[in-house]
Amino acid sequence: MGRDEKLKFKYEGLLGRGNGKNVDGEANARLEKLKELILWEGLPDSASDGGFCGRGSLRGTVWKALLGVADVNVDEYLQLVDKGASNDYQKIFNDVYRTFSKHEEYTSRVPREMLVRLLNAFVHYRGNTKGTYVQSMSVLAAPFLFLMPEPEAFLSFQIFLRERIPEYVYKYVGVHRGCDLLDRCLQLLDPSLYQRFLEFKLTPQMYAFPNISSLGMCVSPLNDSIQLLDVQLAYGSHLGVLFSLGRLRREGTVTYIKKSSAAELGFQVQGLKMLCFFFARWAFWIFGCGALRKPLLLLLLHAVA
């Protein structure tokens, strides 16, 4: 039995129904073990494999377990879909046609119409108020459709927004807070780079907003970014700020062209590979203790420098 098969067997054991005794206590213990397995071993390479338009994946099942998704009311979702175009339909339509459009595996499994349908249903679920949809939502919803059947993806997505990042997409309040946190961390951990940004009058809202607003999902390749989302679903979306900081400080990600204007300060955002996964492991110890400690942050950034 190879590594992938052994790892898959571990996940299937944790995702099973259990023995029916002390249900709540057992469920909590299994959830903690599931989180630890994600952190230390990751998911199998085949975890995202699934069928077209309906068949789920191991990763999708893990995400539902982390979000507490149980029974899915398909009829409720169909009723929302039957309401047709929402007041944000045009904005959704325009964004969806840019979402992972160059990722062949994604586009082969998730038709654009499916993502449009899910996002319109979400706006109807929220009362069909114009402006409910914001740009990063298409990128956040797409991975759920990539990994699980449409009604399950819808429920998982709305639970994710409501319970995990309730203020994140509401007028981008949470995103601006994330940018501010990144700015403070960068000042602490790389004062020279922080000063260089100040010199060119560059704020995190200018150079990190897309990355933070999408929880890193806007950075290719998709399969690598999904691995970071595994960790954020397990331990908190605030880790996305640290992932963004790690990307910023990686060797070769920032290139100084000249010192004449802000427009000449270029960025080369590269693939994550394994570096950011080790970054996630350090981040667990930082946030697991409930505080952001300077010595641990310094150790973290030295580990990925």
C-alpha atoms as a PDB file:
ATOM      1  CA  MET A   1       0.000   0.000   0.000  1.00  0.00           C
ATOM      2  CA  GLY A   2       1.501   3.328  -1.098  1.00  0.00           C
ATOM      3  CA  ARG A   3       1.588   6.596   0.836  1.00  0.00           C
ATOM      4  CA  ASP A   4      -1.551   7.973  -0.837  1.00  0.00           C
ATOM      5  CA  GLU A   5      -3.533   4.829  -0.081  1.00  0.00           C
ATOM      6  CA  LYS A   6      -2.388   4.753   3.564  1.00  0.00           C
ATOM      7  CA  LEU A   7      -3.243   8.430   4.019  1.00  0.00           C
ATOM      8  CA  LYS A   8      -6.631   7.986   2.386  1.00  0.00           C
ATOM      9  CA  PHE A   9      -7.320   5.094   4.750  1.00  0.00           C
ATOM     10  CA  LYS A  10      -6.558   7.350   7.733  1.00  0.00           C
ATOM     11  CA  TYR A  11      -9.011   9.991   6.496  1.00  0.00           C
ATOM     12  CA  GLU A  12     -11.718   7.461   5.798  1.00  0.00           C
ATOM     13  CA  GLY A  13     -11.331   6.156   9.350  1.00  0.00           C
ATOM     14  CA  LEU A  14     -11.758   9.638  10.832  1.00  0.00           C
ATOM     15  CA  LEU A  15     -14.680  10.473   8.543  1.00  0.00           C
ATOM     16  CA  GLY A  16     -16.599   7.286   9.389  1.00  0.00           C
ATOM     17  CA  ARG A  17     -19.630   7.151  11.641  1.00  0.00           C
ATOM     18  CA  GLY A  18     -17.847   5.922  14.775  1.00  0.00           C
ATOM     19  CA  ASN A  19     -19.221   3.461  17.326  1.00  0.00           C
ATOM     20  CA  GLY A  20     -22.305   5.439  18.356  1.00  0.00           C
ATOM     21  CA  LYS A  21     -21.174   5.852  21.988  1.00  0.00           C
ATOM     22  CA  ASN A  22     -20.566   9.289  23.527  1.00  0.00           C
ATOM     23  CA  VAL A  23     -21.410  10.792  20.146  1.00  0.00           C
ATOM     24  CA  ASP A  24     -20.532  14.428  20.904  1.00  0.00           C
ATOM     25  CA  GLY A  25     -17.272  13.651  22.666  1.00  0.00           C
ATOM     26  CA  GLU A  26     -16.189  11.188  20.020  1.00  0.00           C
ATOM     27  CA  ALA A  27     -17.078  13.596  17.202  1.00  0.00           C
ATOM     28  CA  ASN A  28     -15.023  16.390  18.767  1.00  0.00           C
ATOM     29  CA  ALA A  29     -12.044  14.085  19.270  1.00  0.00           C
ATOM     30  CA  ARG A  30     -12.215  12.858  15.677  1.00  0.00           C
ATOM     31  CA  LEU A  31     -12.460  16.450  14.417  1.00  0.00           C
ATOM     32  CA  GLU A  32      -9.313  17.424  16.300  1.00  0.00           C
ATOM     33  CA  LYS A  33      -7.490  14.398  14.897  1.00  0.00           C
ATOM     34  CA  LEU A  34      -8.716  15.356  11.433  1.00  0.00           C
ATOM     35  CA  LYS A  35      -7.268  18.855  11.813  1.00  0.00           C
ATOM     36  CA  GLU A  36      -3.943  17.487  13.026  1.00  0.00           C
ATOM     37  CA  LEU A  37      -3.776  15.070  10.098  1.00  0.00           C
ATOM     38  CA  ILE A  38      -4.374  17.947   7.669  1.00  0.00           C
ATOM     39  CA  LEU A  39      -1.644  19.986   9.306  1.00  0.00           C
ATOM     40  CA  TRP A  40       1.082  17.379   9.595  1.00  0.00           C
ATOM     41  CA  GLU A  41       0.479  15.104   6.617  1.00  0.00           C
ATOM     42  CA  GLY A  42      -1.777  17.041   4.276  1.00  0.00           C
ATOM     43  CA  LEU A  43      -4.301  15.272   2.057  1.00  0.00           C
ATOM     44  CA  PRO A  44      -3.507  12.590  -0.517  1.00  0.00           C
ATOM     45  CA  ASP A  45      -2.446  13.807  -3.950  1.00  0.00           C
ATOM     46  CA  SER A  46      -5.689  12.367  -5.306  1.00  0.00           C
ATOM     47  CA  ALA A  47      -7.874  14.109  -2.699  1.00  0.00           C
ATOM     48  CA  SER A  48      -9.361  16.562  -5.203  1.00  0.00           C
ATOM     49  CA  ASP A  49     -10.237  13.900  -7.753  1.00  0.00           C
ATOM     50  CA  GLY A  50     -13.922  13.737  -8.555  1.00  0.00           C
ATOM     51  CA  GLY A  51     -16.427  13.410 -11.308  1.00  0.00           C
ATOM     52  CA  PHE A  52     -18.217  15.922 -13.474  1.00  0.00           C
ATOM     53  CA  CYS A  53     -21.230  17.876 -12.170  1.00  0.00           C
ATOM     54  CA  GLY A  54     -22.084  15.989  -9.033  1.00  0.00           C
ATOM     55  CA  ARG A  55     -19.605  13.440  -7.808  1.00  0.00           C
ATOM     56  CA  GLY A  56     -17.666  14.662  -4.815  1.00  0.00           C
ATOM     57  CA  SER A  57     -14.076  14.155  -3.648  1.00  0.00           C
ATOM     58  CA  LEU A  58     -12.246  13.205  -0.481  1.00  0.00           C
ATOM     59  CA  ARG A  59     -11.158  16.818   0.003  1.00  0.00           C
ATOM     60  CA  GLY A  60     -14.768  17.967  -0.384  1.00  0.00           C
ATOM     61  CA  THR A  61     -15.853  15.490   2.307  1.00  0.00           C
ATOM     62  CA  VAL A  62     -13.088  16.756   4.609  1.00  0.00           C
ATOM     63  CA  TRP A  63     -14.145  20.381   4.052  1.00  0.00           C
ATOM     64  CA  LYS A  64     -17.765  19.534   4.876  1.00  0.00           C
ATOM     65  CA  ALA A  65     -16.638  17.843   8.081  1.00  0.00           C
ATOM     66  CA  LEU A  66     -14.592  20.906   9.069  1.00  0.00           C
ATOM     67  CA  LEU A  67     -17.564  23.208   8.398  1.00  0.00           C
ATOM     68  CA  GLY A  68     -20.072  20.957  10.147  1.00  0.00           C
ATOM     69  CA  VAL A  69     -22.131  20.375   7.009  1.00  0.00           C
ATOM     70  CA  ALA A  70     -24.533  17.500   7.584  1.00  0.00           C
ATOM     71  CA  ASP A  71     -27.959  17.316   5.985  1.00  0.00           C
ATOM     72  CA  VAL A  72     -28.345  19.245   2.746  1.00  0.00           C
ATOM     73  CA  ASN A  73     -31.795  20.554   1.812  1.00  0.00           C
ATOM     74  CA  VAL A  74     -31.717  20.193  -1.962  1.00  0.00           C
ATOM     75  CA  ASP A  75     -35.282  21.507  -2.355  1.00  0.00           C
ATOM     76  CA  GLU A  76     -34.379  24.753  -0.598  1.00  0.00           C
ATOM     77  CA  TYR A  77     -31.478  25.280  -2.970  1.00  0.00           C
ATOM     78  CA  LEU A  78     -33.644  24.535  -6.015  1.00  0.00           C
ATOM     79  CA  GLN A  79     -36.208  27.086  -4.824  1.00  0.00           C
ATOM     80  CA  LEU A  80     -33.479  29.736  -4.661  1.00  0.00           C
ATOM     81  CA  VAL A  81     -32.244  28.784  -8.136  1.00  0.00           C
ATOM     82  CA  ASP A  82     -35.807  28.993  -9.504  1.00  0.00           C
ATOM     83  CA  LYS A  83     -35.918  32.675  -8.560  1.00  0.00           C
ATOM     84  CA  GLY A  84     -33.636  33.331 -11.514  1.00  0.00           C
ATOM     85  CA  ALA A  85     -31.299  36.283 -11.976  1.00  0.00           C
ATOM     86  CA  SER A  86     -30.578  38.271  -8.837  1.00  0.00           C
ATOM     87  CA  ASN A  87     -30.030  42.015  -8.552  1.00  0.00           C
ATOM     88  CA  ASP A  88     -26.285  41.305  -8.747  1.00  0.00           C
ATOM     89  CA  TYR A  89     -26.546  39.024 -11.781  1.00  0.00           C
ATOM     90  CA  GLN A  90     -24.529  41.166 -14.204  1.00  0.00           C
ATOM     91  CA  LYS A  91     -21.656  41.633 -11.781  1.00  0.00           C
ATOM     92  CA  ILE A  92     -21.637  37.902 -11.019  1.00  0.00           C
ATOM     93  CA  PHE A  93     -21.715  37.019 -14.716  1.00  0.00           C
ATOM     94  CA  ASN A  94     -18.751  39.277 -15.491  1.00  0.00           C
ATOM     95  CA  ASP A  95     -16.655  37.933 -12.611  1.00  0.00           C
ATOM     96  CA  VAL A  96     -17.402  34.274 -13.241  1.00  0.00           C
ATOM     97  CA  TYR A  97     -16.034  34.462 -16.769  1.00  0.00           C
ATOM     98  CA  ARG A  98     -12.661  35.469 -15.301  1.00  0.00           C
ATOM     99  CA  THR A  99     -12.634  32.926 -12.468  1.00  0.00           C
ATOM    100  CA  PHE A 100      -9.987  30.222 -13.029  1.00  0.00           C
ATOM    101  CA  SER A 101     -10.639  30.581 -16.755  1.00  0.00           C
ATOM    102  CA  LYS A 102      -7.161  29.249 -17.617  1.00  0.00           C
ATOM    103  CA  HIS A 103      -7.305  26.251 -15.275  1.00  0.00           C
ATOM    104  CA  GLU A 104      -8.320  23.390 -17.552  1.00  0.00           C
ATOM    105  CA  GLU A 105      -9.146  20.885 -14.823  1.00  0.00           C
ATOM    106  CA  TYR A 106     -11.427  23.399 -13.104  1.00  0.00           C
ATOM    107  CA  THR A 107     -13.222  24.496 -16.277  1.00  0.00           C
ATOM    108  CA  SER A 108     -13.735  20.861 -17.318  1.00  0.00           C
ATOM    109  CA  ARG A 109     -15.465  20.069 -14.022  1.00  0.00           C
ATOM    110  CA  VAL A 110     -17.281  23.310 -13.214  1.00  0.00           C
ATOM    111  CA  PRO A 111     -19.258  24.935 -16.037  1.00  0.00           C
ATOM    112  CA  ARG A 112     -19.506  28.702 -15.718  1.00  0.00           C
ATOM    113  CA  GLU A 113     -23.281  28.461 -15.560  1.00  0.00           C
ATOM    114  CA  MET A 114     -22.989  26.408 -12.379  1.00  0.00           C
ATOM    115  CA  LEU A 115     -20.974  29.055 -10.545  1.00  0.00           C
ATOM    116  CA  VAL A 116     -23.314  31.810 -11.797  1.00  0.00           C
ATOM    117  CA  ARG A 117     -26.283  29.785 -10.543  1.00  0.00           C
ATOM    118  CA  LEU A 118     -24.767  29.199  -7.096  1.00  0.00           C
ATOM    119  CA  LEU A 119     -23.812  32.856  -6.585  1.00  0.00           C
ATOM    120  CA  ASN A 120     -27.225  34.109  -7.712  1.00  0.00           C
ATOM    121  CA  ALA A 121     -28.858  31.661  -5.309  1.00  0.00           C
ATOM    122  CA  PHE A 122     -26.630  33.025  -2.537  1.00  0.00           C
ATOM    123  CA  VAL A 123     -27.740  36.600  -3.238  1.00  0.00           C
ATOM    124  CA  HIS A 124     -31.385  35.466  -3.123  1.00  0.00           C
ATOM    125  CA  TYR A 125     -30.634  33.639   0.140  1.00  0.00           C
ATOM    126  CA  ARG A 126     -29.395  36.935   1.574  1.00  0.00           C
ATOM    127  CA  GLY A 127     -32.570  38.783   0.515  1.00  0.00           C
ATOM    128  CA  ASN A 128     -31.593  39.790  -3.044  1.00  0.00           C
ATOM    129  CA  THR A 129     -30.200  43.128  -1.901  1.00  0.00           C
ATOM    130  CA  LYS A 130     -28.073  44.755  -4.585  1.00  0.00           C
ATOM    131  CA  GLY A 131     -24.449  44.795  -3.515  1.00  0.00           C
ATOM    132  CA  THR A 132     -24.627  41.520  -1.565  1.00  0.00           C
ATOM    133  CA  TYR A 133     -22.190  40.012  -4.028  1.00  0.00           C
ATOM    134  CA  VAL A 134     -18.626  41.315  -3.931  1.00  0.00           C
ATOM    135  CA  GLN A 135     -15.866  40.439  -6.356  1.00  0.00           C
ATOM    136  CA  SER A 136     -13.891  37.943  -4.279  1.00  0.00           C
ATOM    137  CA  MET A 137     -16.941  35.719  -3.764  1.00  0.00           C
ATOM    138  CA  SER A 138     -16.604  33.998  -7.139  1.00  0.00           C
ATOM    139  CA  VAL A 139     -13.052  32.923  -6.311  1.00  0.00           C
ATOM    140  CA  LEU A 140     -14.089  31.750  -2.831  1.00  0.00           C
ATOM    141  CA  ALA A 141     -17.119  29.793  -4.075  1.00  0.00           C
ATOM    142  CA  ALA A 142     -15.392  28.111  -7.018  1.00  0.00           C
ATOM    143  CA  PRO A 143     -13.281  25.622  -4.994  1.00  0.00           C
ATOM    144  CA  PHE A 144     -16.418  24.275  -3.296  1.00  0.00           C
ATOM    145  CA  LEU A 145     -17.976  23.489  -6.688  1.00  0.00           C
ATOM    146  CA  PHE A 146     -14.667  22.004  -7.813  1.00  0.00           C
ATOM    147  CA  LEU A 147     -14.754  19.524  -4.938  1.00  0.00           C
ATOM    148  CA  MET A 148     -18.388  18.664  -4.187  1.00  0.00           C
ATOM    149  CA  PRO A 149     -21.905  18.453  -5.673  1.00  0.00           C
ATOM    150  CA  GLU A 150     -23.651  21.763  -6.283  1.00  0.00           C
ATOM    151  CA  PRO A 151     -26.216  21.754  -3.408  1.00  0.00           C
ATOM    152  CA  GLU A 152     -23.483  20.716  -0.953  1.00  0.00           C
ATOM    153  CA  ALA A 153     -21.158  23.365  -2.364  1.00  0.00           C
ATOM    154  CA  PHE A 154     -23.835  26.024  -1.870  1.00  0.00           C
ATOM    155  CA  LEU A 155     -24.470  25.067   1.752  1.00  0.00           C
ATOM    156  CA  SER A 156     -20.752  24.808   2.504  1.00  0.00           C
ATOM    157  CA  PHE A 157     -20.061  28.185   0.898  1.00  0.00           C
ATOM    158  CA  GLN A 158     -22.788  30.029   2.783  1.00  0.00           C
ATOM    159  CA  ILE A 159     -21.780  28.414   6.105  1.00  0.00           C
ATOM    160  CA  PHE A 160     -18.184  29.383   5.382  1.00  0.00           C
ATOM    161  CA  LEU A 161     -19.115  33.033   4.794  1.00  0.00           C
ATOM    162  CA  ARG A 162     -21.565  33.212   7.674  1.00  0.00           C
ATOM    163  CA  GLU A 163     -19.565  31.434  10.379  1.00  0.00           C
ATOM    164  CA  ARG A 164     -15.900  31.656   9.389  1.00  0.00           C
ATOM    165  CA  ILE A 165     -15.558  35.084   7.747  1.00  0.00           C
ATOM    166  CA  PRO A 166     -18.783  36.993   8.622  1.00  0.00           C
ATOM    167  CA  GLU A 167     -17.240  40.436   8.163  1.00  0.00           C
ATOM    168  CA  TYR A 168     -14.663  39.487   5.590  1.00  0.00           C
ATOM    169  CA  VAL A 169     -16.726  40.186   2.501  1.00  0.00           C
ATOM    170  CA  TYR A 170     -19.203  42.669   4.024  1.00  0.00           C
ATOM    171  CA  LYS A 171     -18.014  45.852   2.318  1.00  0.00           C
ATOM    172  CA  TYR A 172     -14.532  44.305   2.573  1.00  0.00           C
ATOM    173  CA  VAL A 173     -14.322  45.251   6.268  1.00  0.00           C
ATOM    174  CA  GLY A 174     -12.442  42.080   7.159  1.00  0.00           C
ATOM    175  CA  VAL A 175     -10.183  42.377   4.119  1.00  0.00           C
ATOM    176  CA  HIS A 176      -9.041  45.856   5.148  1.00  0.00           C
ATOM    177  CA  ARG A 177      -8.356  44.549   8.646  1.00  0.00           C
ATOM    178  CA  GLY A 178      -6.297  41.757   7.110  1.00  0.00           C
ATOM    179  CA  CYS A 179      -4.313  44.287   5.082  1.00  0.00           C
ATOM    180  CA  ASP A 180      -3.671  46.332   8.220  1.00  0.00           C
ATOM    181  CA  LEU A 181      -2.492  43.228  10.070  1.00  0.00           C
ATOM    182  CA  LEU A 182      -0.163  42.300   7.216  1.00  0.00           C
ATOM    183  CA  ASP A 183       1.270  45.833   7.314  1.00  0.00           C
ATOM    184  CA  ARG A 184       1.994  45.578  11.044  1.00  0.00           C
ATOM    185  CA  CYS A 185       3.571  42.126  10.680  1.00  0.00           C
ATOM    186  CA  LEU A 186       5.740  43.294   7.784  1.00  0.00           C
ATOM    187  CA  GLN A 187       6.918  46.294   9.825  1.00  0.00           C
ATOM    188  CA  LEU A 188       7.936  43.943  12.635  1.00  0.00           C
ATOM    189  CA  LEU A 189       9.535  41.205  10.573  1.00  0.00           C
ATOM    190  CA  ASP A 190      11.106  43.003   7.599  1.00  0.00           C
ATOM    191  CA  PRO A 191      11.630  46.695   8.438  1.00  0.00           C
ATOM    192  CA  SER A 192      13.720  47.334   5.295  1.00  0.00           C
ATOM    193  CA  LEU A 193      11.007  46.036   2.958  1.00  0.00           C
ATOM    194  CA  TYR A 194       8.393  47.908   4.978  1.00  0.00           C
ATOM    195  CA  GLN A 195      10.364  51.148   4.603  1.00  0.00           C
ATOM    196  CA  ARG A 196      10.781  50.550   0.881  1.00  0.00           C
ATOM    197  CA  PHE A 197       7.004  50.323   0.494  1.00  0.00           C
ATOM    198  CA  LEU A 198       6.625  53.544   2.469  1.00  0.00           C
ATOM    199  CA  GLU A 199       9.171  55.200   0.194  1.00  0.00           C
ATOM    200  CA  PHE A 200       7.009  54.414  -2.820  1.00  0.00           C
ATOM    201  CA  LYS A 201       3.795  55.219  -0.930  1.00  0.00           C
ATOM    202  CA  LEU A 202       2.545  51.660  -1.380  1.00  0.00           C
ATOM    203  CA  THR A 203      -0.008  50.367   1.123  1.00  0.00           C
ATOM    204  CA  PRO A 204      -1.091  46.715   1.564  1.00  0.00           C
ATOM    205  CA  GLN A 205      -4.426  47.666   0.002  1.00  0.00           C
ATOM    206  CA  MET A 206      -2.459  48.370  -3.180  1.00  0.00           C
ATOM    207  CA  TYR A 207      -0.168  45.331  -3.361  1.00  0.00           C
ATOM    208  CA  ALA A 208      -1.901  42.638  -1.260  1.00  0.00           C
ATOM    209  CA  PHE A 209      -5.651  43.287  -1.540  1.00  0.00           C
ATOM    210  CA  PRO A 210      -6.403  40.611  -4.217  1.00  0.00           C
ATOM    211  CA  ASN A 211      -4.407  37.982  -2.331  1.00  0.00           C
ATOM    212  CA  ILE A 212      -6.004  38.687   1.040  1.00  0.00           C
ATOM    213  CA  SER A 213      -9.551  39.207  -0.250  1.00  0.00           C
ATOM    214  CA  SER A 214      -9.457  35.805  -1.970  1.00  0.00           C
ATOM    215  CA  LEU A 215      -7.690  34.038   0.941  1.00  0.00           C
ATOM    216  CA  GLY A 216      -4.872  33.346  -1.503  1.00  0.00           C
ATOM    217  CA  MET A 217      -7.075  31.594  -4.053  1.00  0.00           C
ATOM    218  CA  CYS A 218      -6.207  34.127  -6.769  1.00  0.00           C
ATOM    219  CA  VAL A 219      -2.613  32.839  -6.900  1.00  0.00           C
ATOM    220  CA  SER A 220      -1.797  30.024  -9.318  1.00  0.00           C
ATOM    221  CA  PRO A 221      -1.560  27.103  -9.345  1.00  0.00           C
ATOM    222  CA  LEU A 222      -5.034  26.351  -7.995  1.00  0.00           C
ATOM    223  CA  ASN A 223      -4.063  22.980  -6.534  1.00  0.00           C
ATOM    224  CA  ASP A 224      -1.403  24.580  -4.327  1.00  0.00           C
ATOM    225  CA  SER A 225      -3.739  27.315  -3.096  1.00  0.00           C
ATOM    226  CA  ILE A 226      -6.368  24.701  -2.246  1.00  0.00           C
ATOM    227  CA  GLN A 227      -3.845  23.055   0.076  1.00  0.00           C
ATOM    228  CA  LEU A 228      -3.544  26.318   2.003  1.00  0.00           C
ATOM    229  CA  LEU A 229      -7.328  26.534   2.173  1.00  0.00           C
ATOM    230  CA  ASP A 230      -7.307  23.084   3.820  1.00  0.00           C
ATOM    231  CA  VAL A 231      -5.322  24.587   6.687  1.00  0.00           C
ATOM    232  CA  GLN A 232      -7.437  27.763   6.870  1.00  0.00           C
ATOM    233  CA  LEU A 233     -10.631  25.729   7.122  1.00  0.00           C
ATOM    234  CA  ALA A 234      -9.069  23.660   9.881  1.00  0.00           C
ATOM    235  CA  TYR A 235      -7.445  26.413  11.953  1.00  0.00           C
ATOM    236  CA  GLY A 236      -8.837  29.751  10.828  1.00  0.00           C
ATOM    237  CA  SER A 237      -8.865  32.096   7.848  1.00  0.00           C
ATOM    238  CA  HIS A 238      -6.627  34.574   9.676  1.00  0.00           C
ATOM    239  CA  LEU A 239      -3.749  32.328   8.601  1.00  0.00           C
ATOM    240  CA  GLY A 240      -4.286  33.697   5.105  1.00  0.00           C
ATOM    241  CA  VAL A 241      -2.593  36.906   6.248  1.00  0.00           C
ATOM    242  CA  LEU A 242       0.535  34.968   7.165  1.00  0.00           C
ATOM    243  CA  PHE A 243       0.430  33.053   3.890  1.00  0.00           C
ATOM    244  CA  SER A 244       0.275  36.376   2.041  1.00  0.00           C
ATOM    245  CA  LEU A 245       3.236  37.618   4.055  1.00  0.00           C
ATOM    246  CA  GLY A 246       5.179  34.458   3.253  1.00  0.00           C
ATOM    247  CA  ARG A 247       4.525  34.918  -0.452  1.00  0.00           C
ATOM    248  CA  LEU A 248       5.633  38.534  -0.225  1.00  0.00           C
ATOM    249  CA  ARG A 249       8.929  37.691   1.449  1.00  0.00           C
ATOM    250  CA  ARG A 250       9.863  34.661  -0.595  1.00  0.00           C
ATOM    251  CA  GLU A 251      13.124  34.919  -2.464  1.00  0.00           C
ATOM    252  CA  GLY A 252      12.428  36.349  -5.888  1.00  0.00           C
ATOM    253  CA  THR A 253       8.855  37.476  -5.246  1.00  0.00           C
ATOM    254  CA  VAL A 254       9.748  41.143  -4.977  1.00  0.00           C
ATOM    255  CA  THR A 255      11.904  42.754  -7.634  1.00  0.00           C
ATOM    256  CA  TYR A 256      13.141  46.316  -7.338  1.00  0.00           C
ATOM    257  CA  ILE A 257      13.299  47.781 -10.836  1.00  0.00           C
ATOM    258  CA  LYS A 258      14.247  51.418 -10.192  1.00  0.00           C
ATOM    259  CA  LYS A 259      13.710  54.015  -7.482  1.00  0.00           C
ATOM    260  CA  SER A 260      11.938  56.558  -9.632  1.00  0.00           C
ATOM    261  CA  SER A 261       8.251  55.715  -9.162  1.00  0.00           C
ATOM    262  CA  ALA A 262       5.854  53.312  -7.494  1.00  0.00           C
ATOM    263  CA  ALA A 263       4.827  51.983 -10.898  1.00  0.00           C
ATOM    264  CA  GLU A 264       8.349  50.651 -11.380  1.00  0.00           C
ATOM    265  CA  LEU A 265       8.234  48.468  -8.281  1.00  0.00           C
ATOM    266  CA  GLY A 266       7.326  45.075  -9.769  1.00  0.00           C
ATOM    267  CA  PHE A 267       6.151  41.838  -8.224  1.00  0.00           C
ATOM    268  CA  GLN A 268       6.647  38.314  -9.447  1.00  0.00           C
ATOM    269  CA  VAL A 269       4.214  36.107  -7.549  1.00  0.00           C
ATOM    270  CA  GLN A 270       5.309  32.508  -7.988  1.00  0.00           C
ATOM    271  CA  GLY A 271       3.923  29.048  -7.122  1.00  0.00           C
ATOM    272  CA  LEU A 272       3.758  28.062  -3.470  1.00  0.00           C
ATOM    273  CA  LYS A 273       5.289  24.571  -3.642  1.00  0.00           C
ATOM    274  CA  MET A 274       5.985  23.138  -0.192  1.00  0.00           C
ATOM    275  CA  LEU A 275       7.361  26.297   1.420  1.00  0.00           C
ATOM    276  CA  CYS A 276       4.002  27.742   2.400  1.00  0.00           C
ATOM    277  CA  PHE A 277       2.839  24.411   3.768  1.00  0.00           C
ATOM    278  CA  PHE A 278       5.705  24.500   6.280  1.00  0.00           C
ATOM    279  CA  PHE A 279       4.662  28.102   6.866  1.00  0.00           C
ATOM    280  CA  ALA A 280       1.212  26.798   7.812  1.00  0.00           C
ATOM    281  CA  ARG A 281       2.752  24.458  10.354  1.00  0.00           C
ATOM    282  CA  TRP A 282       4.546  27.303  12.091  1.00  0.00           C
ATOM    283  CA  ALA A 283       1.396  29.408  11.931  1.00  0.00           C
ATOM    284  CA  PHE A 284      -0.530  26.711  13.814  1.00  0.00           C
ATOM    285  CA  TRP A 285       1.714  27.101  16.838  1.00  0.00           C
ATOM    286  CA  ILE A 286       1.423  30.879  16.716  1.00  0.00           C
ATOM    287  CA  PHE A 287      -2.352  31.022  16.609  1.00  0.00           C
ATOM    288  CA  GLY A 288      -2.980  27.809  18.524  1.00  0.00           C
ATOM    289  CA  CYS A 289      -1.835  29.527  21.708  1.00  0.00           C
ATOM    290  CA  GLY A 290      -4.327  32.335  21.109  1.00  0.00           C
ATOM    291  CA  ALA A 291      -1.785  35.140  20.733  1.00  0.00           C
ATOM    292  CA  LEU A 292       0.516  36.652  18.141  1.00  0.00           C
ATOM    293  CA  ARG A 293       3.968  36.452  19.749  1.00  0.00           C
ATOM    294  CA  LYS A 294       6.940  38.384  18.392  1.00  0.00           C
ATOM    295  CA  PRO A 295       9.576  35.651  19.019  1.00  0.00           C
ATOM    296  CA  LEU A 296       7.469  33.043  17.224  1.00  0.00           C
ATOM    297  CA  LEU A 297       6.787  35.385  14.349  1.00  0.00           C
ATOM    298  CA  LEU A 298      10.488  36.057  13.989  1.00  0.00           C
ATOM    299  CA  LEU A 299      11.182  32.326  14.033  1.00  0.00           C
ATOM    300  CA  LEU A 300       8.449  31.771  11.485  1.00  0.00           C
ATOM    301  CA  LEU A 301       9.764  34.304   9.003  1.00  0.00           C
ATOM    302  CA  HIS A 302      13.338  33.111   9.435  1.00  0.00           C
ATOM    303  CA  ALA A 303      12.113  29.601   8.623  1.00  0.00           C
ATOM    304  CA  VAL A 304      10.740  30.721   5.270  1.00  0.00           C
ATOM    305  CA  ALA A 305      13.300  33.415   4.409  1.00  0.00           C
END
